[in-house]
Amino acid sequence: MTPRAWTVELRSHTSGLVLVCQQCPHADGHIDAASARSAALAHLAHHARGDLVPLHLRVCQCHERGCRWHPRHRGCDGPIRLLLACERGGRLWRLADACGACAAATARAAVVPETALAGTPGRPTAAPQRKRQPRGPGAQTRVREILSYLATALPPATSAAARLLALQCTLRMDATMHVRLPKGMLRSLRLNAPDVWDELERAQWLRVMPTSEAGGAVAELLDATLLGQAPARDDRRHAADWALRASCPSRAGAVSPLPRLASIYLAAHANPETGTGWSPLEQMARTSGDEPSELPCVLDQLVKEGLLASWRVCPESDDLHWTLRDKPRPAEQD
């Protein structure tokens, strides 16, 4: 069986950059710096979509290579998922099957959301109407995974506003990778400014499409790794609404995009039963596009606004611990 691990490298060239794939020795291509990240992700997605393998036949490729992609840990454990990893400051990208333990130990990496490479099912035949059962993870887990993926897939300097927009676009796109966002939702998130869309366009992450809808927006997503999420589209929309409520509670007032994004992160990583959570401070900063040293001000603002009950950073581990003001409802009840 062909190993499910693919690596592309972006190498300097007199005319810009060259995309070099270890599995395609004769397919090197010249690209410009602005599209390098999206080109690398698209190339990796093409390999993964062309090599779909039943879950029970997939193995941890990190383990197969002696776990050289991360610090040593107790061994492979957990389900096999696709892991997107970035090394050398964005010069090397890798997409590979990895177990949960290896994924957690790999720096600057994110698990590709569960449904990202699934096929689109055929139209069901006529049958008695039954209550639809959710597919895949619940809303809270789905939002947590998408946030982790975007932290790796988007440029590090991407603003909090653009990350909020990317989250909603990812969760609401259709099977053709197009998304329609209504005027009211954009206004509630304060994302109706053109510069937010321009930022994602410059990153080659989406393309804004012409629309006749006053105040609304239509865009085509260009991140090929997100293709084929249609089997769980209703569940993803449900997760998008969950994220919308987490970022725009009624008492949020005029909270800016960064605290709103932080509010989603904290809710997505909190225990639904207790409202408590923990996370490495650096991980939250990377997801927010901010520096770890700036997060205390953001967390203090959330406490002031009544969105967060308390927080503290453990000096030994640099882990962030927090308690939400309101417990996030379990995903099954969202």
C-alpha atoms as a PDB file:
ATOM      1  CA  MET A   1       0.000   0.000   0.000  1.00  0.00           C
ATOM      2  CA  THR A   2       1.260   3.466  -0.884  1.00  0.00           C
ATOM      3  CA  PRO A   3       2.299   5.432   2.238  1.00  0.00           C
ATOM      4  CA  ARG A   4      -0.196   8.207   2.962  1.00  0.00           C
ATOM      5  CA  ALA A   5       2.343  10.955   3.567  1.00  0.00           C
ATOM      6  CA  TRP A   6       3.010  13.796   1.142  1.00  0.00           C
ATOM      7  CA  THR A   7       5.509  16.643   1.434  1.00  0.00           C
ATOM      8  CA  VAL A   8       5.986  19.788  -0.638  1.00  0.00           C
ATOM      9  CA  GLU A   9       8.786  22.293  -0.274  1.00  0.00           C
ATOM     10  CA  LEU A  10       8.890  25.918  -1.402  1.00  0.00           C
ATOM     11  CA  ARG A  11      12.383  26.699  -2.650  1.00  0.00           C
ATOM     12  CA  SER A  12      13.797  30.057  -3.676  1.00  0.00           C
ATOM     13  CA  HIS A  13      14.382  30.675  -7.365  1.00  0.00           C
ATOM     14  CA  THR A  14      15.504  33.624  -9.473  1.00  0.00           C
ATOM     15  CA  SER A  15      11.935  34.034 -10.744  1.00  0.00           C
ATOM     16  CA  GLY A  16      10.290  33.660  -7.326  1.00  0.00           C
ATOM     17  CA  LEU A  17       9.584  30.288  -5.722  1.00  0.00           C
ATOM     18  CA  VAL A  18       9.508  26.709  -6.949  1.00  0.00           C
ATOM     19  CA  LEU A  19       7.102  24.134  -5.514  1.00  0.00           C
ATOM     20  CA  VAL A  20       8.938  20.813  -5.137  1.00  0.00           C
ATOM     21  CA  CYS A  21       6.997  17.643  -4.343  1.00  0.00           C
ATOM     22  CA  GLN A  22       8.789  14.511  -3.180  1.00  0.00           C
ATOM     23  CA  GLN A  23       6.108  12.354  -4.844  1.00  0.00           C
ATOM     24  CA  CYS A  24       6.126  14.313  -8.138  1.00  0.00           C
ATOM     25  CA  PRO A  25       9.818  14.627  -9.113  1.00  0.00           C
ATOM     26  CA  HIS A  26       9.002  15.992 -12.566  1.00  0.00           C
ATOM     27  CA  ALA A  27       6.138  18.307 -11.608  1.00  0.00           C
ATOM     28  CA  ASP A  28       8.036  21.228 -10.059  1.00  0.00           C
ATOM     29  CA  GLY A  29       6.271  24.516 -10.734  1.00  0.00           C
ATOM     30  CA  HIS A  30       7.194  28.171 -10.489  1.00  0.00           C
ATOM     31  CA  ILE A  31       4.850  30.183  -8.252  1.00  0.00           C
ATOM     32  CA  ASP A  32       4.786  33.664  -6.772  1.00  0.00           C
ATOM     33  CA  ALA A  33       5.134  34.304  -3.062  1.00  0.00           C
ATOM     34  CA  ALA A  34       1.537  35.507  -2.644  1.00  0.00           C
ATOM     35  CA  SER A  35       0.065  32.196  -3.831  1.00  0.00           C
ATOM     36  CA  ALA A  36       2.716  29.869  -2.383  1.00  0.00           C
ATOM     37  CA  ARG A  37       0.744  28.784   0.684  1.00  0.00           C
ATOM     38  CA  SER A  38      -2.464  28.073  -1.242  1.00  0.00           C
ATOM     39  CA  ALA A  39      -0.518  26.258  -3.987  1.00  0.00           C
ATOM     40  CA  ALA A  40       1.153  23.998  -1.432  1.00  0.00           C
ATOM     41  CA  LEU A  41      -2.164  23.132   0.240  1.00  0.00           C
ATOM     42  CA  ALA A  42      -3.853  22.514  -3.114  1.00  0.00           C
ATOM     43  CA  HIS A  43      -1.076  20.153  -4.211  1.00  0.00           C
ATOM     44  CA  LEU A  44      -1.248  18.181  -0.966  1.00  0.00           C
ATOM     45  CA  ALA A  45      -5.041  17.981  -1.170  1.00  0.00           C
ATOM     46  CA  HIS A  46      -4.779  16.635  -4.720  1.00  0.00           C
ATOM     47  CA  HIS A  47      -2.599  13.755  -3.486  1.00  0.00           C
ATOM     48  CA  ALA A  48      -4.888  12.960  -0.557  1.00  0.00           C
ATOM     49  CA  ARG A  49      -8.072  13.014  -2.642  1.00  0.00           C
ATOM     50  CA  GLY A  50      -6.446  10.674  -5.159  1.00  0.00           C
ATOM     51  CA  ASP A  51      -5.452   8.155  -2.498  1.00  0.00           C
ATOM     52  CA  LEU A  52      -8.550   7.555  -0.394  1.00  0.00           C
ATOM     53  CA  VAL A  53      -8.092   4.475   1.793  1.00  0.00           C
ATOM     54  CA  PRO A  54     -10.574   2.810   4.202  1.00  0.00           C
ATOM     55  CA  LEU A  55      -9.966   3.900   7.773  1.00  0.00           C
ATOM     56  CA  HIS A  56      -9.148   0.392   8.996  1.00  0.00           C
ATOM     57  CA  LEU A  57      -6.235   0.188   6.523  1.00  0.00           C
ATOM     58  CA  ARG A  58      -4.651   3.515   7.472  1.00  0.00           C
ATOM     59  CA  VAL A  59      -1.647   3.598   9.807  1.00  0.00           C
ATOM     60  CA  CYS A  60       0.269   6.345  11.564  1.00  0.00           C
ATOM     61  CA  GLN A  61       2.907   7.451   9.055  1.00  0.00           C
ATOM     62  CA  CYS A  62       4.807   9.268  11.783  1.00  0.00           C
ATOM     63  CA  HIS A  63       5.218   5.948  13.610  1.00  0.00           C
ATOM     64  CA  GLU A  64       6.265   4.251  10.376  1.00  0.00           C
ATOM     65  CA  ARG A  65       9.136   6.758  10.158  1.00  0.00           C
ATOM     66  CA  GLY A  66      10.178   6.351  13.767  1.00  0.00           C
ATOM     67  CA  CYS A  67       8.242   9.397  15.003  1.00  0.00           C
ATOM     68  CA  ARG A  68      10.861  11.841  13.694  1.00  0.00           C
ATOM     69  CA  TRP A  69       8.371  14.656  13.158  1.00  0.00           C
ATOM     70  CA  HIS A  70       7.948  15.540  16.841  1.00  0.00           C
ATOM     71  CA  PRO A  71       9.552  15.129  20.286  1.00  0.00           C
ATOM     72  CA  ARG A  72       9.444  11.671  21.816  1.00  0.00           C
ATOM     73  CA  HIS A  73       6.315  10.610  23.686  1.00  0.00           C
ATOM     74  CA  ARG A  74       4.862   7.403  25.087  1.00  0.00           C
ATOM     75  CA  GLY A  75       3.920   5.924  21.711  1.00  0.00           C
ATOM     76  CA  CYS A  76       1.175   5.888  19.107  1.00  0.00           C
ATOM     77  CA  ASP A  77      -2.384   6.025  20.387  1.00  0.00           C
ATOM     78  CA  GLY A  78      -5.770   7.276  19.284  1.00  0.00           C
ATOM     79  CA  PRO A  79      -7.634   7.383  15.957  1.00  0.00           C
ATOM     80  CA  ILE A  80      -5.831   7.905  12.655  1.00  0.00           C
ATOM     81  CA  ARG A  81      -6.472  11.335  11.126  1.00  0.00           C
ATOM     82  CA  LEU A  82      -4.909  13.464   8.405  1.00  0.00           C
ATOM     83  CA  LEU A  83      -2.426  15.909   9.926  1.00  0.00           C
ATOM     84  CA  LEU A  84      -1.302  19.096   8.166  1.00  0.00           C
ATOM     85  CA  ALA A  85       2.088  20.302   9.404  1.00  0.00           C
ATOM     86  CA  CYS A  86       4.160  23.362   8.579  1.00  0.00           C
ATOM     87  CA  GLU A  87       7.937  23.559   9.055  1.00  0.00           C
ATOM     88  CA  ARG A  88      10.800  25.943   8.311  1.00  0.00           C
ATOM     89  CA  GLY A  89       8.625  29.027   8.590  1.00  0.00           C
ATOM     90  CA  GLY A  90       6.203  27.894   5.883  1.00  0.00           C
ATOM     91  CA  ARG A  91       8.851  26.576   3.463  1.00  0.00           C
ATOM     92  CA  LEU A  92       7.850  22.938   3.985  1.00  0.00           C
ATOM     93  CA  TRP A  93       4.327  21.512   4.208  1.00  0.00           C
ATOM     94  CA  ARG A  94       3.366  17.936   5.015  1.00  0.00           C
ATOM     95  CA  LEU A  95       0.040  16.093   4.925  1.00  0.00           C
ATOM     96  CA  ALA A  96       0.083  12.621   6.458  1.00  0.00           C
ATOM     97  CA  ASP A  97      -1.935  10.071   8.380  1.00  0.00           C
ATOM     98  CA  ALA A  98      -1.095  10.332  12.072  1.00  0.00           C
ATOM     99  CA  CYS A  99      -2.499   8.966  15.306  1.00  0.00           C
ATOM    100  CA  GLY A 100      -3.940  11.245  17.960  1.00  0.00           C
ATOM    101  CA  ALA A 101      -0.869  11.028  20.197  1.00  0.00           C
ATOM    102  CA  CYS A 102       1.569  11.935  17.419  1.00  0.00           C
ATOM    103  CA  ALA A 103      -0.723  14.721  16.194  1.00  0.00           C
ATOM    104  CA  ALA A 104      -0.812  16.255  19.671  1.00  0.00           C
ATOM    105  CA  ALA A 105       2.990  16.115  19.926  1.00  0.00           C
ATOM    106  CA  THR A 106       3.663  17.736  16.530  1.00  0.00           C
ATOM    107  CA  ALA A 107       4.397  21.463  16.582  1.00  0.00           C
ATOM    108  CA  ARG A 108       2.703  23.840  14.109  1.00  0.00           C
ATOM    109  CA  ALA A 109       0.305  21.166  12.941  1.00  0.00           C
ATOM    110  CA  ALA A 110      -3.451  20.709  12.778  1.00  0.00           C
ATOM    111  CA  VAL A 111      -5.760  17.780  12.168  1.00  0.00           C
ATOM    112  CA  VAL A 112      -7.698  18.219   8.927  1.00  0.00           C
ATOM    113  CA  PRO A 113     -11.431  18.342   9.807  1.00  0.00           C
ATOM    114  CA  GLU A 114     -13.069  14.919   9.680  1.00  0.00           C
ATOM    115  CA  THR A 115     -15.225  15.432   6.581  1.00  0.00           C
ATOM    116  CA  ALA A 116     -12.759  17.411   4.491  1.00  0.00           C
ATOM    117  CA  LEU A 117     -11.897  14.659   2.002  1.00  0.00           C
ATOM    118  CA  ALA A 118     -15.116  12.659   2.010  1.00  0.00           C
ATOM    119  CA  GLY A 119     -17.087  12.069  -1.153  1.00  0.00           C
ATOM    120  CA  THR A 120     -20.472  13.602  -1.876  1.00  0.00           C
ATOM    121  CA  PRO A 121     -23.290  11.073  -1.424  1.00  0.00           C
ATOM    122  CA  GLY A 122     -25.962  10.511  -4.036  1.00  0.00           C
ATOM    123  CA  ARG A 123     -29.464  11.877  -3.699  1.00  0.00           C
ATOM    124  CA  PRO A 124     -31.472   9.662  -1.332  1.00  0.00           C
ATOM    125  CA  THR A 125     -34.530   7.874  -2.614  1.00  0.00           C
ATOM    126  CA  ALA A 126     -37.989   8.751  -1.364  1.00  0.00           C
ATOM    127  CA  ALA A 127     -38.589   7.395   2.124  1.00  0.00           C
ATOM    128  CA  PRO A 128     -40.619   8.260   5.223  1.00  0.00           C
ATOM    129  CA  GLN A 129     -39.299  11.391   6.888  1.00  0.00           C
ATOM    130  CA  ARG A 130     -37.223  10.725   9.969  1.00  0.00           C
ATOM    131  CA  LYS A 131     -35.415  13.036  12.304  1.00  0.00           C
ATOM    132  CA  ARG A 132     -31.968  13.585  10.885  1.00  0.00           C
ATOM    133  CA  GLN A 133     -29.093  12.220  12.945  1.00  0.00           C
ATOM    134  CA  PRO A 134     -25.891  14.330  13.086  1.00  0.00           C
ATOM    135  CA  ARG A 135     -22.858  12.993  11.234  1.00  0.00           C
ATOM    136  CA  GLY A 136     -19.353  13.286  12.561  1.00  0.00           C
ATOM    137  CA  PRO A 137     -18.360  15.346  15.596  1.00  0.00           C
ATOM    138  CA  GLY A 138     -20.668  17.693  17.483  1.00  0.00           C
ATOM    139  CA  ALA A 139     -20.732  21.454  16.955  1.00  0.00           C
ATOM    140  CA  GLN A 140     -18.238  22.283  19.731  1.00  0.00           C
ATOM    141  CA  THR A 141     -15.718  19.700  18.514  1.00  0.00           C
ATOM    142  CA  ARG A 142     -16.168  20.726  14.881  1.00  0.00           C
ATOM    143  CA  VAL A 143     -15.503  24.399  15.674  1.00  0.00           C
ATOM    144  CA  ARG A 144     -12.444  23.450  17.750  1.00  0.00           C
ATOM    145  CA  GLU A 145     -11.020  21.411  14.848  1.00  0.00           C
ATOM    146  CA  ILE A 146     -11.669  24.130  12.255  1.00  0.00           C
ATOM    147  CA  LEU A 147      -9.990  26.738  14.484  1.00  0.00           C
ATOM    148  CA  SER A 148      -6.955  24.461  14.794  1.00  0.00           C
ATOM    149  CA  TYR A 149      -6.843  23.871  11.043  1.00  0.00           C
ATOM    150  CA  LEU A 150      -7.106  27.581  10.198  1.00  0.00           C
ATOM    151  CA  ALA A 151      -4.303  28.347  12.668  1.00  0.00           C
ATOM    152  CA  THR A 152      -2.014  26.314  10.404  1.00  0.00           C
ATOM    153  CA  ALA A 153      -3.564  26.969   6.984  1.00  0.00           C
ATOM    154  CA  LEU A 154      -3.822  30.777   7.215  1.00  0.00           C
ATOM    155  CA  PRO A 155      -0.767  33.067   7.180  1.00  0.00           C
ATOM    156  CA  PRO A 156       0.440  33.796  10.748  1.00  0.00           C
ATOM    157  CA  ALA A 157      -0.199  37.538  10.363  1.00  0.00           C
ATOM    158  CA  THR A 158      -3.895  37.052   9.483  1.00  0.00           C
ATOM    159  CA  SER A 159      -6.023  39.383  11.612  1.00  0.00           C
ATOM    160  CA  ALA A 160      -8.644  38.208  14.092  1.00  0.00           C
ATOM    161  CA  ALA A 161     -11.416  39.684  11.913  1.00  0.00           C
ATOM    162  CA  ALA A 162     -10.231  37.704   8.888  1.00  0.00           C
ATOM    163  CA  ARG A 163     -10.002  34.536  11.005  1.00  0.00           C
ATOM    164  CA  LEU A 164     -13.588  35.025  12.204  1.00  0.00           C
ATOM    165  CA  LEU A 165     -14.670  35.406   8.607  1.00  0.00           C
ATOM    166  CA  ALA A 166     -12.684  32.338   7.496  1.00  0.00           C
ATOM    167  CA  LEU A 167     -14.297  30.269  10.263  1.00  0.00           C
ATOM    168  CA  GLN A 168     -17.811  31.162   9.122  1.00  0.00           C
ATOM    169  CA  CYS A 169     -16.940  30.659   5.451  1.00  0.00           C
ATOM    170  CA  THR A 170     -15.442  27.226   6.124  1.00  0.00           C
ATOM    171  CA  LEU A 171     -18.470  26.051   8.076  1.00  0.00           C
ATOM    172  CA  ARG A 172     -21.066  27.482   5.677  1.00  0.00           C
ATOM    173  CA  MET A 173     -19.604  26.673   2.253  1.00  0.00           C
ATOM    174  CA  ASP A 174     -21.469  24.366  -0.135  1.00  0.00           C
ATOM    175  CA  ALA A 175     -20.199  21.391  -2.160  1.00  0.00           C
ATOM    176  CA  THR A 176     -18.768  23.732  -4.837  1.00  0.00           C
ATOM    177  CA  MET A 177     -16.800  25.683  -2.211  1.00  0.00           C
ATOM    178  CA  HIS A 178     -19.046  28.737  -2.563  1.00  0.00           C
ATOM    179  CA  VAL A 179     -20.468  30.538   0.449  1.00  0.00           C
ATOM    180  CA  ARG A 180     -23.175  33.181   0.919  1.00  0.00           C
ATOM    181  CA  LEU A 181     -23.068  35.279   4.061  1.00  0.00           C
ATOM    182  CA  PRO A 182     -26.095  37.497   4.765  1.00  0.00           C
ATOM    183  CA  LYS A 183     -25.829  41.150   5.618  1.00  0.00           C
ATOM    184  CA  GLY A 184     -27.211  40.706   9.134  1.00  0.00           C
ATOM    185  CA  MET A 185     -24.638  38.130  10.132  1.00  0.00           C
ATOM    186  CA  LEU A 186     -21.753  40.188   8.741  1.00  0.00           C
ATOM    187  CA  ARG A 187     -23.016  43.228  10.653  1.00  0.00           C
ATOM    188  CA  SER A 188     -23.342  41.271  13.913  1.00  0.00           C
ATOM    189  CA  LEU A 189     -19.731  40.089  13.595  1.00  0.00           C
ATOM    190  CA  ARG A 190     -18.588  43.516  12.333  1.00  0.00           C
ATOM    191  CA  LEU A 191     -17.176  41.822   9.237  1.00  0.00           C
ATOM    192  CA  ASN A 192     -18.892  43.901   6.568  1.00  0.00           C
ATOM    193  CA  ALA A 193     -15.777  46.017   5.949  1.00  0.00           C
ATOM    194  CA  PRO A 194     -14.189  45.338   2.526  1.00  0.00           C
ATOM    195  CA  ASP A 195     -10.661  45.213   3.955  1.00  0.00           C
ATOM    196  CA  VAL A 196     -11.439  41.976   5.851  1.00  0.00           C
ATOM    197  CA  TRP A 197     -12.384  40.246   2.594  1.00  0.00           C
ATOM    198  CA  ASP A 198      -9.402  41.829   0.855  1.00  0.00           C
ATOM    199  CA  GLU A 199      -7.076  40.302   3.449  1.00  0.00           C
ATOM    200  CA  LEU A 200      -8.272  36.760   2.699  1.00  0.00           C
ATOM    201  CA  GLU A 201      -8.121  37.463  -1.030  1.00  0.00           C
ATOM    202  CA  ARG A 202      -4.504  38.603  -0.745  1.00  0.00           C
ATOM    203  CA  ALA A 203      -3.745  35.372   1.120  1.00  0.00           C
ATOM    204  CA  GLN A 204      -5.208  33.447  -1.858  1.00  0.00           C
ATOM    205  CA  TRP A 205      -7.682  31.821   0.534  1.00  0.00           C
ATOM    206  CA  LEU A 206     -10.897  32.961  -1.154  1.00  0.00           C
ATOM    207  CA  ARG A 207     -12.187  34.971  -4.108  1.00  0.00           C
ATOM    208  CA  VAL A 208     -15.060  37.430  -3.676  1.00  0.00           C
ATOM    209  CA  MET A 209     -17.760  36.923  -6.316  1.00  0.00           C
ATOM    210  CA  PRO A 210     -20.098  39.543  -7.812  1.00  0.00           C
ATOM    211  CA  THR A 211     -23.530  39.560  -6.169  1.00  0.00           C
ATOM    212  CA  SER A 212     -26.793  41.460  -6.497  1.00  0.00           C
ATOM    213  CA  GLU A 213     -27.683  40.901  -2.855  1.00  0.00           C
ATOM    214  CA  ALA A 214     -27.585  44.260  -1.075  1.00  0.00           C
ATOM    215  CA  GLY A 215     -25.198  44.089   1.852  1.00  0.00           C
ATOM    216  CA  GLY A 216     -24.579  40.352   1.560  1.00  0.00           C
ATOM    217  CA  ALA A 217     -21.482  38.630   0.222  1.00  0.00           C
ATOM    218  CA  VAL A 218     -20.690  35.650  -1.989  1.00  0.00           C
ATOM    219  CA  ALA A 219     -17.239  34.092  -2.187  1.00  0.00           C
ATOM    220  CA  GLU A 220     -15.446  31.047  -3.541  1.00  0.00           C
ATOM    221  CA  LEU A 221     -13.019  29.328  -1.171  1.00  0.00           C
ATOM    222  CA  LEU A 222      -9.645  28.412  -2.681  1.00  0.00           C
ATOM    223  CA  ASP A 223      -8.303  26.140   0.068  1.00  0.00           C
ATOM    224  CA  ALA A 224      -8.542  22.817  -1.758  1.00  0.00           C
ATOM    225  CA  THR A 225      -8.040  20.821   1.439  1.00  0.00           C
ATOM    226  CA  LEU A 226     -11.579  21.799   2.427  1.00  0.00           C
ATOM    227  CA  LEU A 227     -13.164  20.170  -0.650  1.00  0.00           C
ATOM    228  CA  GLY A 228     -15.972  17.678  -0.251  1.00  0.00           C
ATOM    229  CA  GLN A 229     -17.457  18.632   3.111  1.00  0.00           C
ATOM    230  CA  ALA A 230     -20.989  18.325   1.677  1.00  0.00           C
ATOM    231  CA  PRO A 231     -21.886  15.082   3.544  1.00  0.00           C
ATOM    232  CA  ALA A 232     -21.978  17.056   6.805  1.00  0.00           C
ATOM    233  CA  ARG A 233     -23.145  20.433   5.496  1.00  0.00           C
ATOM    234  CA  ASP A 234     -26.171  20.688   7.814  1.00  0.00           C
ATOM    235  CA  ASP A 235     -23.994  19.825  10.792  1.00  0.00           C
ATOM    236  CA  ARG A 236     -21.378  22.378   9.747  1.00  0.00           C
ATOM    237  CA  ARG A 237     -24.051  25.080   9.510  1.00  0.00           C
ATOM    238  CA  HIS A 238     -25.178  24.054  12.961  1.00  0.00           C
ATOM    239  CA  ALA A 239     -21.583  24.483  14.148  1.00  0.00           C
ATOM    240  CA  ALA A 240     -21.395  27.882  12.418  1.00  0.00           C
ATOM    241  CA  ASP A 241     -24.430  29.032  14.411  1.00  0.00           C
ATOM    242  CA  TRP A 242     -22.834  27.657  17.583  1.00  0.00           C
ATOM    243  CA  ALA A 243     -19.704  29.711  16.877  1.00  0.00           C
ATOM    244  CA  LEU A 244     -21.837  32.760  16.113  1.00  0.00           C
ATOM    245  CA  ARG A 245     -23.528  32.529  19.517  1.00  0.00           C
ATOM    246  CA  ALA A 246     -20.197  31.969  21.251  1.00  0.00           C
ATOM    247  CA  SER A 247     -18.726  35.108  19.662  1.00  0.00           C
ATOM    248  CA  CYS A 248     -21.784  37.371  19.969  1.00  0.00           C
ATOM    249  CA  PRO A 249     -23.457  36.841  23.346  1.00  0.00           C
ATOM    250  CA  SER A 250     -26.079  39.426  24.211  1.00  0.00           C
ATOM    251  CA  ARG A 251     -23.864  41.247  26.693  1.00  0.00           C
ATOM    252  CA  ALA A 252     -20.831  41.416  24.378  1.00  0.00           C
ATOM    253  CA  GLY A 253     -21.583  45.010  23.439  1.00  0.00           C
ATOM    254  CA  ALA A 254     -19.002  46.541  21.127  1.00  0.00           C
ATOM    255  CA  VAL A 255     -16.375  43.857  21.663  1.00  0.00           C
ATOM    256  CA  SER A 256     -13.810  43.923  18.846  1.00  0.00           C
ATOM    257  CA  PRO A 257     -12.907  40.908  16.640  1.00  0.00           C
ATOM    258  CA  LEU A 258      -9.959  39.650  18.721  1.00  0.00           C
ATOM    259  CA  PRO A 259     -11.953  39.210  21.974  1.00  0.00           C
ATOM    260  CA  ARG A 260     -14.778  37.657  19.938  1.00  0.00           C
ATOM    261  CA  LEU A 261     -12.388  35.130  18.421  1.00  0.00           C
ATOM    262  CA  ALA A 262     -10.894  34.467  21.856  1.00  0.00           C
ATOM    263  CA  SER A 263     -14.411  33.914  23.207  1.00  0.00           C
ATOM    264  CA  ILE A 264     -15.040  31.232  20.556  1.00  0.00           C
ATOM    265  CA  TYR A 265     -11.707  29.570  21.313  1.00  0.00           C
ATOM    266  CA  LEU A 266     -12.393  29.438  25.055  1.00  0.00           C
ATOM    267  CA  ALA A 267     -15.929  28.078  24.565  1.00  0.00           C
ATOM    268  CA  ALA A 268     -14.757  25.478  22.028  1.00  0.00           C
ATOM    269  CA  HIS A 269     -12.055  24.198  24.404  1.00  0.00           C
ATOM    270  CA  ALA A 270     -14.150  24.272  27.597  1.00  0.00           C
ATOM    271  CA  ASN A 271     -15.795  21.365  29.377  1.00  0.00           C
ATOM    272  CA  PRO A 272     -19.551  21.656  28.640  1.00  0.00           C
ATOM    273  CA  GLU A 273     -20.396  20.329  32.109  1.00  0.00           C
ATOM    274  CA  THR A 274     -18.226  22.675  34.177  1.00  0.00           C
ATOM    275  CA  GLY A 275     -17.370  25.609  31.903  1.00  0.00           C
ATOM    276  CA  THR A 276     -13.690  25.174  32.776  1.00  0.00           C
ATOM    277  CA  GLY A 277     -10.869  24.628  30.315  1.00  0.00           C
ATOM    278  CA  TRP A 278      -7.132  24.689  29.752  1.00  0.00           C
ATOM    279  CA  SER A 279      -4.870  25.194  26.757  1.00  0.00           C
ATOM    280  CA  PRO A 280      -1.240  26.060  26.072  1.00  0.00           C
ATOM    281  CA  LEU A 281      -1.088  29.847  25.885  1.00  0.00           C
ATOM    282  CA  GLU A 282       0.993  29.665  22.691  1.00  0.00           C
ATOM    283  CA  GLN A 283      -1.679  27.531  20.997  1.00  0.00           C
ATOM    284  CA  MET A 284      -4.411  30.067  21.755  1.00  0.00           C
ATOM    285  CA  ALA A 285      -2.175  32.890  20.528  1.00  0.00           C
ATOM    286  CA  ARG A 286      -1.472  31.085  17.246  1.00  0.00           C
ATOM    287  CA  THR A 287      -5.179  30.453  16.706  1.00  0.00           C
ATOM    288  CA  SER A 288      -5.937  34.128  17.385  1.00  0.00           C
ATOM    289  CA  GLY A 289      -3.078  35.484  15.259  1.00  0.00           C
ATOM    290  CA  ASP A 290      -1.710  37.313  18.300  1.00  0.00           C
ATOM    291  CA  GLU A 291       1.344  37.198  20.531  1.00  0.00           C
ATOM    292  CA  PRO A 292       1.106  35.275  23.850  1.00  0.00           C
ATOM    293  CA  SER A 293       2.191  38.427  25.704  1.00  0.00           C
ATOM    294  CA  GLU A 294      -0.873  40.284  24.362  1.00  0.00           C
ATOM    295  CA  LEU A 295      -3.468  37.719  25.440  1.00  0.00           C
ATOM    296  CA  PRO A 296      -3.735  38.775  29.130  1.00  0.00           C
ATOM    297  CA  CYS A 297      -5.203  42.123  28.027  1.00  0.00           C
ATOM    298  CA  VAL A 298      -7.744  40.293  25.867  1.00  0.00           C
ATOM    299  CA  LEU A 299      -8.686  37.924  28.690  1.00  0.00           C
ATOM    300  CA  ASP A 300      -9.052  40.824  31.130  1.00  0.00           C
ATOM    301  CA  GLN A 301     -11.410  42.499  28.652  1.00  0.00           C
ATOM    302  CA  LEU A 302     -13.532  39.335  28.471  1.00  0.00           C
ATOM    303  CA  VAL A 303     -13.749  39.311  32.279  1.00  0.00           C
ATOM    304  CA  LYS A 304     -14.738  43.001  32.257  1.00  0.00           C
ATOM    305  CA  GLU A 305     -17.427  42.338  29.654  1.00  0.00           C
ATOM    306  CA  GLY A 306     -18.834  39.496  31.734  1.00  0.00           C
ATOM    307  CA  LEU A 307     -17.968  36.788  29.218  1.00  0.00           C
ATOM    308  CA  LEU A 308     -15.279  35.106  31.318  1.00  0.00           C
ATOM    309  CA  ALA A 309     -15.443  34.400  35.038  1.00  0.00           C
ATOM    310  CA  SER A 310     -11.719  33.951  35.715  1.00  0.00           C
ATOM    311  CA  TRP A 311      -8.417  32.955  34.163  1.00  0.00           C
ATOM    312  CA  ARG A 312      -4.822  32.258  35.168  1.00  0.00           C
ATOM    313  CA  VAL A 313      -1.580  31.151  33.525  1.00  0.00           C
ATOM    314  CA  CYS A 314       0.451  28.415  35.209  1.00  0.00           C
ATOM    315  CA  PRO A 315       4.013  29.807  35.521  1.00  0.00           C
ATOM    316  CA  GLU A 316       5.631  26.342  35.328  1.00  0.00           C
ATOM    317  CA  SER A 317       3.913  25.091  32.148  1.00  0.00           C
ATOM    318  CA  ASP A 318       2.666  28.341  30.584  1.00  0.00           C
ATOM    319  CA  ASP A 319      -0.753  26.717  30.307  1.00  0.00           C
ATOM    320  CA  LEU A 320      -3.869  28.879  30.391  1.00  0.00           C
ATOM    321  CA  HIS A 321      -6.701  27.803  32.724  1.00  0.00           C
ATOM    322  CA  TRP A 322     -10.110  29.504  32.685  1.00  0.00           C
ATOM    323  CA  THR A 323     -13.720  29.350  33.798  1.00  0.00           C
ATOM    324  CA  LEU A 324     -16.490  30.673  31.563  1.00  0.00           C
ATOM    325  CA  ARG A 325     -19.216  32.882  32.966  1.00  0.00           C
ATOM    326  CA  ASP A 326     -21.824  30.664  31.280  1.00  0.00           C
ATOM    327  CA  LYS A 327     -21.293  26.981  30.550  1.00  0.00           C
ATOM    328  CA  PRO A 328     -21.273  26.145  26.825  1.00  0.00           C
ATOM    329  CA  ARG A 329     -24.211  23.927  25.971  1.00  0.00           C
ATOM    330  CA  PRO A 330     -23.187  20.418  24.895  1.00  0.00           C
ATOM    331  CA  ALA A 331     -22.946  20.034  21.130  1.00  0.00           C
ATOM    332  CA  GLU A 332     -25.838  17.534  21.083  1.00  0.00           C
ATOM    333  CA  GLN A 333     -28.176  20.212  22.484  1.00  0.00           C
ATOM    334  CA  ASP A 334     -27.003  23.172  20.365  1.00  0.00           C
END
